[in-house]
Amino acid sequence: MKTLYLIILTLIVASCIDIHQEPNIQGTWELISATTIKEDTVIEQDLSGKRMIKIINSDHFAFLNHDKHKGTKDSLAHFVAGGGTYTLNGRKYKESLEYCNFRQWEGNDFTFKVTLLKDTLIQEGQEEIKELNVNHKIIEKYVRVKNRRTANVYALPLM
């Protein structure tokens, strides 16, 4: 009888485990490193004067990338933004770019592999647009942005 209970308990516990669980990538992410690999050339992006965030909700993503000098120094002025829809199947993350200030990139799909390690998101894959002669691998690392909102002290009950 104990064996039967043990088997039933094991089946119940095993049925609750989702081995195909997708990583929770929803949230706001800040880029901390970016590597581009084209043929035999590896380029580590210098992010010291820039800030980029990626915002991901249940079915859309957006990225905003700008210089920290607020565009005041022409040689350092930088702004890139875009967004669209995405799908996530296990670790396979596919972006469909609908909007981008580099308009020629719009309408393209990019497939990546994502890895989530605690508060770090690693996205790697190939970016290819034949018409623009774009064909390189990227490896981007993001850290989750903590919620910086403060409590609304005026929303406390008065009684």
C-alpha atoms as a PDB file:
ATOM      1  CA  MET A   1       0.000   0.000   0.000  1.00  0.00           C
ATOM      2  CA  LYS A   2       2.863   2.378   0.810  1.00  0.00           C
ATOM      3  CA  THR A   3       4.300   1.708  -2.636  1.00  0.00           C
ATOM      4  CA  LEU A   4       1.017   2.685  -4.284  1.00  0.00           C
ATOM      5  CA  TYR A   5       0.892   5.965  -2.323  1.00  0.00           C
ATOM      6  CA  LEU A   6       4.502   6.666  -3.243  1.00  0.00           C
ATOM      7  CA  ILE A   7       3.807   6.058  -6.937  1.00  0.00           C
ATOM      8  CA  ILE A   8       0.732   8.316  -6.871  1.00  0.00           C
ATOM      9  CA  LEU A   9       2.644  11.052  -5.044  1.00  0.00           C
ATOM     10  CA  THR A  10       5.509  10.817  -7.547  1.00  0.00           C
ATOM     11  CA  LEU A  11       3.087  11.104 -10.484  1.00  0.00           C
ATOM     12  CA  ILE A  12       1.385  14.133  -8.942  1.00  0.00           C
ATOM     13  CA  VAL A  13       4.682  15.926  -8.335  1.00  0.00           C
ATOM     14  CA  ALA A  14       6.029  15.031 -11.788  1.00  0.00           C
ATOM     15  CA  SER A  15       2.879  16.304 -13.505  1.00  0.00           C
ATOM     16  CA  CYS A  16       3.392  19.739 -11.930  1.00  0.00           C
ATOM     17  CA  ILE A  17       6.875  20.226 -13.380  1.00  0.00           C
ATOM     18  CA  ASP A  18       6.994  22.173 -16.659  1.00  0.00           C
ATOM     19  CA  ILE A  19      10.264  21.196 -18.311  1.00  0.00           C
ATOM     20  CA  HIS A  20       9.532  23.385 -21.350  1.00  0.00           C
ATOM     21  CA  GLN A  21       9.168  26.571 -19.355  1.00  0.00           C
ATOM     22  CA  GLU A  22      10.197  29.712 -21.228  1.00  0.00           C
ATOM     23  CA  PRO A  23      12.361  32.296 -19.495  1.00  0.00           C
ATOM     24  CA  ASN A  24      10.516  35.352 -18.164  1.00  0.00           C
ATOM     25  CA  ILE A  25      12.058  38.060 -20.326  1.00  0.00           C
ATOM     26  CA  GLN A  26       9.341  40.644 -19.732  1.00  0.00           C
ATOM     27  CA  GLY A  27      10.539  43.892 -18.207  1.00  0.00           C
ATOM     28  CA  THR A  28      13.006  46.678 -18.837  1.00  0.00           C
ATOM     29  CA  TRP A  29      16.601  45.758 -19.602  1.00  0.00           C
ATOM     30  CA  GLU A  30      19.739  47.904 -19.816  1.00  0.00           C
ATOM     31  CA  LEU A  31      22.501  46.949 -22.236  1.00  0.00           C
ATOM     32  CA  ILE A  32      25.790  46.283 -20.425  1.00  0.00           C
ATOM     33  CA  SER A  33      27.843  44.740 -23.243  1.00  0.00           C
ATOM     34  CA  ALA A  34      27.534  44.296 -26.988  1.00  0.00           C
ATOM     35  CA  THR A  35      29.722  42.244 -29.298  1.00  0.00           C
ATOM     36  CA  THR A  36      29.477  42.118 -33.080  1.00  0.00           C
ATOM     37  CA  ILE A  37      31.194  39.338 -35.030  1.00  0.00           C
ATOM     38  CA  LYS A  38      31.540  39.690 -38.802  1.00  0.00           C
ATOM     39  CA  GLU A  39      33.559  36.970 -40.510  1.00  0.00           C
ATOM     40  CA  ASP A  40      36.835  36.884 -38.530  1.00  0.00           C
ATOM     41  CA  THR A  41      36.448  40.332 -36.936  1.00  0.00           C
ATOM     42  CA  VAL A  42      35.189  40.745 -33.360  1.00  0.00           C
ATOM     43  CA  ILE A  43      34.102  44.216 -32.247  1.00  0.00           C
ATOM     44  CA  GLU A  44      33.348  45.013 -28.607  1.00  0.00           C
ATOM     45  CA  GLN A  45      31.070  48.050 -28.641  1.00  0.00           C
ATOM     46  CA  ASP A  46      32.168  51.010 -26.518  1.00  0.00           C
ATOM     47  CA  LEU A  47      29.103  51.769 -24.394  1.00  0.00           C
ATOM     48  CA  SER A  48      30.760  54.317 -22.104  1.00  0.00           C
ATOM     49  CA  GLY A  49      29.060  57.356 -23.661  1.00  0.00           C
ATOM     50  CA  LYS A  50      25.744  55.667 -24.504  1.00  0.00           C
ATOM     51  CA  ARG A  51      22.763  54.146 -22.772  1.00  0.00           C
ATOM     52  CA  MET A  52      20.402  51.599 -24.257  1.00  0.00           C
ATOM     53  CA  ILE A  53      17.316  50.003 -22.800  1.00  0.00           C
ATOM     54  CA  LYS A  54      15.086  47.293 -24.193  1.00  0.00           C
ATOM     55  CA  ILE A  55      11.490  47.069 -23.011  1.00  0.00           C
ATOM     56  CA  ILE A  56       9.686  43.757 -23.445  1.00  0.00           C
ATOM     57  CA  ASN A  57       6.037  43.079 -22.617  1.00  0.00           C
ATOM     58  CA  SER A  58       3.909  40.034 -23.415  1.00  0.00           C
ATOM     59  CA  ASP A  59       4.159  40.392 -27.210  1.00  0.00           C
ATOM     60  CA  HIS A  60       6.034  43.591 -28.124  1.00  0.00           C
ATOM     61  CA  PHE A  61       9.550  44.912 -27.682  1.00  0.00           C
ATOM     62  CA  ALA A  62      11.138  48.338 -28.051  1.00  0.00           C
ATOM     63  CA  PHE A  63      14.701  49.550 -27.825  1.00  0.00           C
ATOM     64  CA  LEU A  64      16.005  53.050 -27.201  1.00  0.00           C
ATOM     65  CA  ASN A  65      19.673  53.905 -27.540  1.00  0.00           C
ATOM     66  CA  HIS A  66      21.140  57.368 -27.117  1.00  0.00           C
ATOM     67  CA  ASP A  67      24.276  59.218 -26.151  1.00  0.00           C
ATOM     68  CA  LYS A  68      24.700  60.472 -22.590  1.00  0.00           C
ATOM     69  CA  HIS A  69      25.730  63.920 -23.890  1.00  0.00           C
ATOM     70  CA  LYS A  70      22.137  64.705 -24.905  1.00  0.00           C
ATOM     71  CA  GLY A  71      23.248  65.185 -28.493  1.00  0.00           C
ATOM     72  CA  THR A  72      25.114  68.399 -27.688  1.00  0.00           C
ATOM     73  CA  LYS A  73      28.450  67.293 -29.150  1.00  0.00           C
ATOM     74  CA  ASP A  74      27.915  66.630 -32.856  1.00  0.00           C
ATOM     75  CA  SER A  75      30.633  64.012 -33.113  1.00  0.00           C
ATOM     76  CA  LEU A  76      29.098  62.111 -30.194  1.00  0.00           C
ATOM     77  CA  ALA A  77      25.403  62.640 -30.993  1.00  0.00           C
ATOM     78  CA  HIS A  78      23.685  59.258 -31.223  1.00  0.00           C
ATOM     79  CA  PHE A  79      20.094  58.016 -31.260  1.00  0.00           C
ATOM     80  CA  VAL A  80      18.650  54.701 -32.419  1.00  0.00           C
ATOM     81  CA  ALA A  81      15.174  53.393 -31.654  1.00  0.00           C
ATOM     82  CA  GLY A  82      12.899  50.683 -32.894  1.00  0.00           C
ATOM     83  CA  GLY A  83      10.354  48.103 -31.938  1.00  0.00           C
ATOM     84  CA  GLY A  84       7.820  45.573 -33.027  1.00  0.00           C
ATOM     85  CA  THR A  85       6.425  42.204 -32.081  1.00  0.00           C
ATOM     86  CA  TYR A  86       8.237  39.109 -30.903  1.00  0.00           C
ATOM     87  CA  THR A  87       7.680  35.432 -30.297  1.00  0.00           C
ATOM     88  CA  LEU A  88       9.384  33.265 -27.720  1.00  0.00           C
ATOM     89  CA  ASN A  89       9.489  29.495 -28.040  1.00  0.00           C
ATOM     90  CA  GLY A  90      11.717  28.022 -25.346  1.00  0.00           C
ATOM     91  CA  ARG A  91      14.953  29.963 -25.777  1.00  0.00           C
ATOM     92  CA  LYS A  92      14.233  30.882 -29.428  1.00  0.00           C
ATOM     93  CA  TYR A  93      13.401  34.597 -29.494  1.00  0.00           C
ATOM     94  CA  LYS A  94      12.273  36.108 -32.814  1.00  0.00           C
ATOM     95  CA  GLU A  95      11.895  39.857 -33.291  1.00  0.00           C
ATOM     96  CA  SER A  96       9.786  41.266 -36.130  1.00  0.00           C
ATOM     97  CA  LEU A  97      11.017  44.827 -36.504  1.00  0.00           C
ATOM     98  CA  GLU A  98       8.094  47.093 -37.408  1.00  0.00           C
ATOM     99  CA  TYR A  99       9.537  50.491 -36.494  1.00  0.00           C
ATOM    100  CA  CYS A 100      13.105  51.773 -36.689  1.00  0.00           C
ATOM    101  CA  ASN A 101      14.714  55.124 -37.319  1.00  0.00           C
ATOM    102  CA  PHE A 102      16.897  53.234 -39.838  1.00  0.00           C
ATOM    103  CA  ARG A 103      13.834  52.666 -42.004  1.00  0.00           C
ATOM    104  CA  GLN A 104      15.506  50.107 -44.288  1.00  0.00           C
ATOM    105  CA  TRP A 105      15.645  47.704 -41.319  1.00  0.00           C
ATOM    106  CA  GLU A 106      11.840  47.743 -40.938  1.00  0.00           C
ATOM    107  CA  GLY A 107       9.961  44.640 -42.017  1.00  0.00           C
ATOM    108  CA  ASN A 108      12.792  42.253 -41.181  1.00  0.00           C
ATOM    109  CA  ASP A 109      12.786  39.340 -38.744  1.00  0.00           C
ATOM    110  CA  PHE A 110      15.740  38.450 -36.546  1.00  0.00           C
ATOM    111  CA  THR A 111      16.015  35.163 -34.653  1.00  0.00           C
ATOM    112  CA  PHE A 112      18.093  34.907 -31.501  1.00  0.00           C
ATOM    113  CA  LYS A 113      18.780  32.536 -28.643  1.00  0.00           C
ATOM    114  CA  VAL A 114      18.102  34.033 -25.215  1.00  0.00           C
ATOM    115  CA  THR A 115      19.537  32.931 -21.902  1.00  0.00           C
ATOM    116  CA  LEU A 116      18.297  34.253 -18.576  1.00  0.00           C
ATOM    117  CA  LEU A 117      20.702  34.057 -15.632  1.00  0.00           C
ATOM    118  CA  LYS A 118      19.107  35.674 -12.562  1.00  0.00           C
ATOM    119  CA  ASP A 119      18.895  39.382 -13.525  1.00  0.00           C
ATOM    120  CA  THR A 120      20.969  39.060 -16.721  1.00  0.00           C
ATOM    121  CA  LEU A 121      19.543  38.478 -20.197  1.00  0.00           C
ATOM    122  CA  ILE A 122      21.913  37.294 -22.932  1.00  0.00           C
ATOM    123  CA  GLN A 123      20.692  37.586 -26.522  1.00  0.00           C
ATOM    124  CA  GLU A 124      22.744  36.155 -29.362  1.00  0.00           C
ATOM    125  CA  GLY A 125      22.103  35.456 -33.002  1.00  0.00           C
ATOM    126  CA  GLN A 126      22.542  36.479 -36.605  1.00  0.00           C
ATOM    127  CA  GLU A 127      21.373  39.786 -38.066  1.00  0.00           C
ATOM    128  CA  GLU A 128      21.055  39.487 -41.822  1.00  0.00           C
ATOM    129  CA  ILE A 129      19.581  41.879 -44.375  1.00  0.00           C
ATOM    130  CA  LYS A 130      20.879  40.946 -47.827  1.00  0.00           C
ATOM    131  CA  GLU A 131      19.733  44.184 -49.491  1.00  0.00           C
ATOM    132  CA  LEU A 132      21.834  46.228 -47.037  1.00  0.00           C
ATOM    133  CA  ASN A 133      24.825  43.858 -46.999  1.00  0.00           C
ATOM    134  CA  VAL A 134      24.225  43.248 -43.284  1.00  0.00           C
ATOM    135  CA  ASN A 135      25.368  39.842 -42.072  1.00  0.00           C
ATOM    136  CA  HIS A 136      26.896  39.550 -38.622  1.00  0.00           C
ATOM    137  CA  LYS A 137      26.420  37.799 -35.303  1.00  0.00           C
ATOM    138  CA  ILE A 138      25.588  39.808 -32.210  1.00  0.00           C
ATOM    139  CA  ILE A 139      25.918  38.957 -28.542  1.00  0.00           C
ATOM    140  CA  GLU A 140      24.186  41.415 -26.236  1.00  0.00           C
ATOM    141  CA  LYS A 141      24.047  41.275 -22.449  1.00  0.00           C
ATOM    142  CA  TYR A 142      21.395  43.165 -20.525  1.00  0.00           C
ATOM    143  CA  VAL A 143      20.742  43.606 -16.830  1.00  0.00           C
ATOM    144  CA  ARG A 144      17.170  43.924 -15.545  1.00  0.00           C
ATOM    145  CA  VAL A 145      16.315  47.486 -14.534  1.00  0.00           C
ATOM    146  CA  LYS A 146      14.902  47.586 -11.025  1.00  0.00           C
ATOM    147  CA  ASN A 147      11.661  49.451 -10.473  1.00  0.00           C
ATOM    148  CA  ARG A 148      12.712  52.901  -9.267  1.00  0.00           C
ATOM    149  CA  ARG A 149       9.239  54.178  -8.513  1.00  0.00           C
ATOM    150  CA  THR A 150       8.622  55.538  -5.059  1.00  0.00           C
ATOM    151  CA  ALA A 151       5.429  54.953  -3.191  1.00  0.00           C
ATOM    152  CA  ASN A 152       2.714  57.560  -3.570  1.00  0.00           C
ATOM    153  CA  VAL A 153       2.474  58.865  -0.013  1.00  0.00           C
ATOM    154  CA  TYR A 154      -0.700  60.771  -0.881  1.00  0.00           C
ATOM    155  CA  ALA A 155      -2.535  57.539  -1.662  1.00  0.00           C
ATOM    156  CA  LEU A 156      -2.509  56.398   1.966  1.00  0.00           C
ATOM    157  CA  PRO A 157      -5.926  55.981   3.555  1.00  0.00           C
ATOM    158  CA  LEU A 158      -6.973  58.940   5.689  1.00  0.00           C
ATOM    159  CA  MET A 159      -8.739  56.877   8.353  1.00  0.00           C
END
